[in-house]
PDB file of all heavy atoms in Angstrom:
ATOM      1  N   VAL A   1      -6.844  -2.941  -5.879  1.00  0.00           N
ATOM      2  CA  VAL A   1      -5.978  -3.022  -4.736  1.00  0.00           C
ATOM      3  C   VAL A   1      -4.730  -2.087  -4.932  1.00  0.00           C
ATOM      4  O   VAL A   1      -4.073  -2.197  -6.005  1.00  0.00           O
ATOM      5  CB  VAL A   1      -5.482  -4.473  -4.571  1.00  0.00           C
ATOM      6  CG1 VAL A   1      -4.566  -4.573  -3.324  1.00  0.00           C
ATOM      7  CG2 VAL A   1      -6.700  -5.442  -4.355  1.00  0.00           C
ATOM      8  N   CYS A   2      -4.618  -1.189  -4.113  1.00  0.00           N
ATOM      9  CA  CYS A   2      -3.521  -0.179  -4.191  1.00  0.00           C
ATOM     10  C   CYS A   2      -2.320  -0.620  -3.324  1.00  0.00           C
ATOM     11  O   CYS A   2      -2.563  -1.060  -2.150  1.00  0.00           O
ATOM     12  CB  CYS A   2      -4.064   1.151  -3.771  1.00  0.00           C
ATOM     13  SG  CYS A   2      -5.373   1.770  -4.647  1.00  0.00           S
ATOM     14  N   VAL A   3      -1.124  -0.408  -3.730  1.00  0.00           N
ATOM     15  CA  VAL A   3       0.054  -0.831  -3.108  1.00  0.00           C
ATOM     16  C   VAL A   3       1.086   0.376  -3.084  1.00  0.00           C
ATOM     17  O   VAL A   3       1.206   0.992  -4.024  1.00  0.00           O
ATOM     18  CB  VAL A   3       0.652  -1.996  -3.723  1.00  0.00           C
ATOM     19  CG1 VAL A   3       1.993  -2.448  -3.007  1.00  0.00           C
ATOM     20  CG2 VAL A   3      -0.246  -3.093  -3.942  1.00  0.00           C
ATOM     21  N   ARG A   4       1.757   0.502  -1.919  1.00  0.00           N
ATOM     22  CA  ARG A   4       2.932   1.395  -1.945  1.00  0.00           C
ATOM     23  C   ARG A   4       3.869   0.944  -0.775  1.00  0.00           C
ATOM     24  O   ARG A   4       3.424   0.192   0.136  1.00  0.00           O
ATOM     25  CB  ARG A   4       2.477   2.817  -1.640  1.00  0.00           C
ATOM     26  CG  ARG A   4       1.939   3.099  -0.213  1.00  0.00           C
ATOM     27  CD  ARG A   4       1.599   4.584  -0.035  1.00  0.00           C
ATOM     28  NE  ARG A   4       0.859   4.806   1.251  1.00  0.00           N
ATOM     29  CZ  ARG A   4       1.551   5.042   2.425  1.00  0.00           C
ATOM     30  NH1 ARG A   4       2.843   5.114   2.362  1.00  0.00           N
ATOM     31  NH2 ARG A   4       0.870   5.188   3.538  1.00  0.00           N
ATOM     32  N   VAL A   5       5.100   1.190  -0.943  1.00  0.00           N
ATOM     33  CA  VAL A   5       6.081   0.919   0.113  1.00  0.00           C
ATOM     34  C   VAL A   5       6.035   2.169   1.063  1.00  0.00           C
ATOM     35  O   VAL A   5       6.291   3.345   0.668  1.00  0.00           O
ATOM     36  CB  VAL A   5       7.412   0.742  -0.504  1.00  0.00           C
ATOM     37  CG1 VAL A   5       8.522   0.677   0.570  1.00  0.00           C
ATOM     38  CG2 VAL A   5       7.554  -0.479  -1.326  1.00  0.00           C
ATOM     39  N   ALA A   6       5.707   1.886   2.293  1.00  0.00           N
ATOM     40  CA  ALA A   6       5.574   2.888   3.335  1.00  0.00           C
ATOM     41  C   ALA A   6       6.900   3.166   3.997  1.00  0.00           C
ATOM     42  O   ALA A   6       7.103   4.310   4.451  1.00  0.00           O
ATOM     43  CB  ALA A   6       4.423   2.485   4.279  1.00  0.00           C
ATOM     44  N   ARG A   7       7.696   2.121   4.085  1.00  0.00           N
ATOM     45  CA  ARG A   7       9.016   2.266   4.818  1.00  0.00           C
ATOM     46  C   ARG A   7       9.976   1.216   4.441  1.00  0.00           C
ATOM     47  O   ARG A   7       9.546   0.070   4.097  1.00  0.00           O
ATOM     48  CB  ARG A   7       8.750   2.212   6.321  1.00  0.00           C
ATOM     49  CG  ARG A   7       9.948   2.327   7.202  1.00  0.00           C
ATOM     50  CD  ARG A   7       9.636   2.118   8.740  1.00  0.00           C
ATOM     51  NE  ARG A   7      10.836   2.089   9.450  1.00  0.00           N
ATOM     52  CZ  ARG A   7      11.590   0.922   9.563  1.00  0.00           C
ATOM     53  NH1 ARG A   7      11.326  -0.118   9.041  1.00  0.00           N
ATOM     54  NH2 ARG A   7      12.661   1.038  10.332  1.00  0.00           N
ATOM     55  N   ILE A   8      11.206   1.529   4.279  1.00  0.00           N
ATOM     56  CA  ILE A   8      12.294   0.590   4.062  1.00  0.00           C
ATOM     57  C   ILE A   8      13.218   0.682   5.321  1.00  0.00           C
ATOM     58  O   ILE A   8      13.803   1.756   5.477  1.00  0.00           O
ATOM     59  CB  ILE A   8      13.081   0.768   2.813  1.00  0.00           C
ATOM     60  CG1 ILE A   8      12.124   0.766   1.607  1.00  0.00           C
ATOM     61  CG2 ILE A   8      14.126  -0.317   2.580  1.00  0.00           C
ATOM     62  CD1 ILE A   8      12.739   1.111   0.259  1.00  0.00           C
ATOM     63  N   GLY A   9      13.325  -0.421   6.009  1.00  0.00           N
ATOM     64  CA  GLY A   9      14.384  -0.449   7.102  1.00  0.00           C
ATOM     65  C   GLY A   9      15.639  -1.066   6.558  1.00  0.00           C
ATOM     66  O   GLY A   9      15.833  -1.162   5.334  1.00  0.00           O
ATOM     67  N   ARG A  10      16.551  -1.483   7.401  1.00  0.00           N
ATOM     68  CA  ARG A  10      17.788  -2.100   7.047  1.00  0.00           C
ATOM     69  C   ARG A  10      17.508  -3.352   6.193  1.00  0.00           C
ATOM     70  O   ARG A  10      18.057  -3.530   5.124  1.00  0.00           O
ATOM     71  CB  ARG A  10      18.680  -2.445   8.283  1.00  0.00           C
ATOM     72  CG  ARG A  10      20.061  -3.071   7.762  1.00  0.00           C
ATOM     73  CD  ARG A  10      20.785  -3.677   9.024  1.00  0.00           C
ATOM     74  NE  ARG A  10      20.250  -4.950   9.364  1.00  0.00           N
ATOM     75  CZ  ARG A  10      20.562  -6.147   8.750  1.00  0.00           C
ATOM     76  NH1 ARG A  10      21.261  -6.088   7.599  1.00  0.00           N
ATOM     77  NH2 ARG A  10      20.007  -7.247   9.113  1.00  0.00           N
ATOM     78  N   SER A  11      16.648  -4.225   6.787  1.00  0.00           N
ATOM     79  CA  SER A  11      16.393  -5.445   6.098  1.00  0.00           C
ATOM     80  C   SER A  11      14.924  -5.655   5.833  1.00  0.00           C
ATOM     81  O   SER A  11      14.540  -6.671   5.227  1.00  0.00           O
ATOM     82  CB  SER A  11      16.869  -6.700   7.054  1.00  0.00           C
ATOM     83  OG  SER A  11      16.155  -6.680   8.239  1.00  0.00           O
ATOM     84  N   SER A  12      14.060  -4.725   6.180  1.00  0.00           N
ATOM     85  CA  SER A  12      12.613  -4.919   5.963  1.00  0.00           C
ATOM     86  C   SER A  12      11.935  -3.871   4.979  1.00  0.00           C
ATOM     87  O   SER A  12      12.543  -2.751   4.762  1.00  0.00           O
ATOM     88  CB  SER A  12      11.918  -4.770   7.348  1.00  0.00           C
ATOM     89  OG  SER A  12      12.101  -3.458   7.880  1.00  0.00           O
ATOM     90  N   ILE A  13      10.922  -4.262   4.440  1.00  0.00           N
ATOM     91  CA  ILE A  13      10.148  -3.424   3.554  1.00  0.00           C
ATOM     92  C   ILE A  13       8.687  -3.532   4.175  1.00  0.00           C
ATOM     93  O   ILE A  13       8.159  -4.596   4.304  1.00  0.00           O
ATOM     94  CB  ILE A  13      10.079  -3.940   2.130  1.00  0.00           C
ATOM     95  CG1 ILE A  13      11.519  -3.799   1.493  1.00  0.00           C
ATOM     96  CG2 ILE A  13       9.148  -3.165   1.291  1.00  0.00           C
ATOM     97  CD1 ILE A  13      11.668  -4.215   0.060  1.00  0.00           C
ATOM     98  N   ASN A  14       8.081  -2.422   4.458  1.00  0.00           N
ATOM     99  CA  ASN A  14       6.688  -2.297   4.916  1.00  0.00           C
ATOM    100  C   ASN A  14       5.848  -1.833   3.736  1.00  0.00           C
ATOM    101  O   ASN A  14       6.052  -0.718   3.242  1.00  0.00           O
ATOM    102  CB  ASN A  14       6.581  -1.292   6.078  1.00  0.00           C
ATOM    103  CG  ASN A  14       7.300  -1.651   7.282  1.00  0.00           C
ATOM    104  OD1 ASN A  14       8.498  -2.105   7.210  1.00  0.00           O
ATOM    105  ND2 ASN A  14       6.654  -1.624   8.451  1.00  0.00           N
ATOM    106  N   LEU A  15       4.846  -2.661   3.367  1.00  0.00           N
ATOM    107  CA  LEU A  15       4.070  -2.381   2.269  1.00  0.00           C
ATOM    108  C   LEU A  15       2.704  -2.017   2.823  1.00  0.00           C
ATOM    109  O   LEU A  15       2.143  -2.646   3.676  1.00  0.00           O
ATOM    110  CB  LEU A  15       3.786  -3.634   1.368  1.00  0.00           C
ATOM    111  CG  LEU A  15       5.245  -4.026   0.688  1.00  0.00           C
ATOM    112  CD1 LEU A  15       5.323  -5.539   0.746  1.00  0.00           C
ATOM    113  CD2 LEU A  15       5.145  -3.455  -0.791  1.00  0.00           C
ATOM    114  N   ALA A  16       2.118  -0.849   2.387  1.00  0.00           N
ATOM    115  CA  ALA A  16       0.786  -0.488   2.730  1.00  0.00           C
ATOM    116  C   ALA A  16      -0.075  -0.739   1.590  1.00  0.00           C
ATOM    117  O   ALA A  16       0.216  -0.536   0.415  1.00  0.00           O
ATOM    118  CB  ALA A  16       0.829   1.068   3.018  1.00  0.00           C
ATOM    119  N   LEU A  17      -1.376  -1.228   1.983  1.00  0.00           N
ATOM    120  CA  LEU A  17      -2.331  -1.604   0.956  1.00  0.00           C
ATOM    121  C   LEU A  17      -3.667  -1.047   1.248  1.00  0.00           C
ATOM    122  O   LEU A  17      -4.017  -0.780   2.409  1.00  0.00           O
ATOM    123  CB  LEU A  17      -2.400  -3.180   0.896  1.00  0.00           C
ATOM    124  CG  LEU A  17      -1.041  -3.777   0.560  1.00  0.00           C
ATOM    125  CD1 LEU A  17      -0.498  -4.568   1.668  1.00  0.00           C
ATOM    126  CD2 LEU A  17      -1.187  -4.660  -0.737  1.00  0.00           C
ATOM    127  N   ALA A  18      -4.483  -0.862   0.264  1.00  0.00           N
ATOM    128  CA  ALA A  18      -5.851  -0.459   0.421  1.00  0.00           C
ATOM    129  C   ALA A  18      -6.689  -1.017  -0.746  1.00  0.00           C
ATOM    130  O   ALA A  18      -6.228  -1.080  -1.839  1.00  0.00           O
ATOM    131  CB  ALA A  18      -5.920   1.043   0.424  1.00  0.00           C
ATOM    132  N   ILE A  19      -7.843  -1.385  -0.442  1.00  0.00           N
ATOM    133  CA  ILE A  19      -8.790  -1.827  -1.497  1.00  0.00           C
ATOM    134  C   ILE A  19      -9.954  -0.921  -1.619  1.00  0.00           C
ATOM    135  O   ILE A  19     -10.556  -0.484  -0.550  1.00  0.00           O
ATOM    136  CB  ILE A  19      -9.300  -3.238  -1.170  1.00  0.00           C
ATOM    137  CG1 ILE A  19      -8.234  -4.279  -1.057  1.00  0.00           C
ATOM    138  CG2 ILE A  19     -10.305  -3.705  -2.231  1.00  0.00           C
ATOM    139  CD1 ILE A  19      -8.624  -5.716  -0.536  1.00  0.00           C
ATOM    140  N   PHE A  20     -10.220  -0.466  -2.740  1.00  0.00           N
ATOM    141  CA  PHE A  20     -11.261   0.533  -3.101  1.00  0.00           C
ATOM    142  C   PHE A  20     -12.180  -0.077  -4.141  1.00  0.00           C
ATOM    143  O   PHE A  20     -11.722  -0.906  -5.006  1.00  0.00           O
ATOM    144  CB  PHE A  20     -10.720   1.788  -3.706  1.00  0.00           C
ATOM    145  CG  PHE A  20      -9.827   2.528  -2.781  1.00  0.00           C
ATOM    146  CD1 PHE A  20      -8.488   2.349  -2.654  1.00  0.00           C
ATOM    147  CD2 PHE A  20     -10.337   3.604  -1.939  1.00  0.00           C
ATOM    148  CE1 PHE A  20      -7.666   3.110  -1.951  1.00  0.00           C
ATOM    149  CE2 PHE A  20      -9.608   4.331  -1.092  1.00  0.00           C
ATOM    150  CZ  PHE A  20      -8.243   4.091  -1.072  1.00  0.00           C
ATOM    151  N   ALA A  21     -13.473   0.327  -4.150  1.00  0.00           N
ATOM    152  CA  ALA A  21     -14.323   0.003  -5.307  1.00  0.00           C
ATOM    153  C   ALA A  21     -13.623   0.785  -6.518  1.00  0.00           C
ATOM    154  O   ALA A  21     -13.024   1.761  -6.374  1.00  0.00           O
ATOM    155  CB  ALA A  21     -15.701   0.535  -5.051  1.00  0.00           C
ATOM    156  N   LYS A  22     -13.750   0.079  -7.643  1.00  0.00           N
ATOM    157  CA  LYS A  22     -13.019   0.547  -8.840  1.00  0.00           C
ATOM    158  C   LYS A  22     -13.336   2.023  -9.151  1.00  0.00           C
ATOM    159  O   LYS A  22     -14.517   2.433  -9.249  1.00  0.00           O
ATOM    160  CB  LYS A  22     -13.434  -0.230 -10.112  1.00  0.00           C
ATOM    161  CG  LYS A  22     -12.708   0.060 -11.324  1.00  0.00           C
ATOM    162  CD  LYS A  22     -13.233  -0.722 -12.541  1.00  0.00           C
ATOM    163  CE  LYS A  22     -12.456  -0.282 -13.763  1.00  0.00           C
ATOM    164  NZ  LYS A  22     -12.871  -1.094 -14.870  1.00  0.00           N
ATOM    165  N   GLY A  23     -12.217   2.778  -9.329  1.00  0.00           N
ATOM    166  CA  GLY A  23     -12.354   4.206  -9.758  1.00  0.00           C
ATOM    167  C   GLY A  23     -12.954   5.121  -8.663  1.00  0.00           C
ATOM    168  O   GLY A  23     -13.411   6.171  -9.088  1.00  0.00           O
ATOM    169  N   SER A  24     -13.017   4.687  -7.433  1.00  0.00           N
ATOM    170  CA  SER A  24     -13.653   5.580  -6.465  1.00  0.00           C
ATOM    171  C   SER A  24     -12.863   5.655  -5.154  1.00  0.00           C
ATOM    172  O   SER A  24     -11.793   4.948  -4.974  1.00  0.00           O
ATOM    173  CB  SER A  24     -15.040   5.002  -6.104  1.00  0.00           C
ATOM    174  OG  SER A  24     -15.017   3.985  -5.187  1.00  0.00           O
ATOM    175  N   GLU A  25     -13.297   6.484  -4.191  1.00  0.00           N
ATOM    176  CA  GLU A  25     -12.694   6.614  -2.913  1.00  0.00           C
ATOM    177  C   GLU A  25     -13.443   5.732  -1.888  1.00  0.00           C
ATOM    178  O   GLU A  25     -13.246   5.856  -0.701  1.00  0.00           O
ATOM    179  CB  GLU A  25     -12.885   8.117  -2.396  1.00  0.00           C
ATOM    180  CG  GLU A  25     -11.963   9.013  -3.150  1.00  0.00           C
ATOM    181  CD  GLU A  25     -10.505   8.894  -2.865  1.00  0.00           C
ATOM    182  OE1 GLU A  25     -10.095   8.466  -1.772  1.00  0.00           O
ATOM    183  OE2 GLU A  25      -9.638   9.180  -3.747  1.00  0.00           O
ATOM    184  N   ASP A  26     -14.337   4.815  -2.363  1.00  0.00           N
ATOM    185  CA  ASP A  26     -15.048   3.885  -1.524  1.00  0.00           C
ATOM    186  C   ASP A  26     -14.146   2.854  -0.948  1.00  0.00           C
ATOM    187  O   ASP A  26     -13.863   1.747  -1.571  1.00  0.00           O
ATOM    188  CB  ASP A  26     -16.192   3.277  -2.450  1.00  0.00           C
ATOM    189  CG  ASP A  26     -17.082   2.310  -1.509  1.00  0.00           C
ATOM    190  OD1 ASP A  26     -16.935   2.353  -0.284  1.00  0.00           O
ATOM    191  OD2 ASP A  26     -17.853   1.678  -2.157  1.00  0.00           O
TER     192      ASP A  26
END
């Protein structure tokens, strides 16, 4: 499961997530 912060607003944090098969682009 991959995580990144996509945006920070004044009071909010938007987290983007993606699930891949291990070690791949699947």
